[in-house]
Amino acid sequence: MTEAAVHGLLVWAMFALAALTFAALFLVTAPYGRHSRAGWGPEVSARLAWVLMESPAVLAFLAVFLLGAQRSATVPLVLAGLWLLHYLQRTFVYPFRIRSAGRKMALSIAAMAFVFNLLNAYINARWVSQLGSYGVDWLLDPRFLSGAALMLIGWLINVHSDTILVRLRAPGESGYKIPRGGLYRWVSCPNYFGELLEWLGWALATWSTAGLAFAVYTAANLVPRALAHHRWYQERFDDYPAERKAVVPLVL
């Protein structure tokens, strides 16, 4: 079997994984962050867990990308830059911004995310630098331009929304407050909305089934979690804004 055939099977496996994840997360909310709870095995520092589980999206992606025949071509380099814009921040900046002192994450959850990120890094990096084909004229194609714009807009929304969350607590404070400002005016999880835009943009910019599989998986993972966050806010705060949706402004 050729590598292209194996790659295709792995892409379809991700679509299947997205369907399973979507169904499972409506039954069981993933136990990390505000939904953390006992019973999922040994725990490690939440900050360490974030760095470890996200690291394949940087390190494995770079390793696979650099093995590709098109690793020095213009378009693959631009696409890799867009990918790394998100994941360098998510892996090596975000975990050190959040106020996670004393917080733990189940090692089993971090391990599952680590394995997923390995798979995702391989199928996307291998497509971009080896199996896909992009001439330099792709940079002027409407699919690339709209996709790259969506990625950048989504990234800005994601980082800005995370910044609002980080600033909710003063040093030494604990507990939760209602976030306000930015897209929190309309949704409970604008950070997730930003990620949905990013990976929809990636699917367009790469115009690939690998990119589409990741966009679909992102929605399957984040939409149920956003709905769980939304219910959590409504149950915890009597004055929670009734007009807010969960993740997509005015829609969901």
Foldseek 3Di string as FASTA:
>chain_A
DDPVVVLVVLLVVLLVVLVVLLVVCLVPPAQDDPNNDDDQADKDQPLVLQQQLLVCLPPVLVVLLVVFPQNPPDLLVVLVVLSCVQSVCRRPPLSVLAPRVPHIDRPVVSVVSNVVSNSLSNSVSCCSRHVDDDDPCLCVDPLQVQLSVLQVQLSVQLVVVSVQQSPPDDPPDDDDDQGDDDCSVAARCSNLLSVLSNLVSSCSNSVDSSSVSVSSSSCSNVVSNLVVSVVVCVVPDVVHDPRHHRYDGPPD
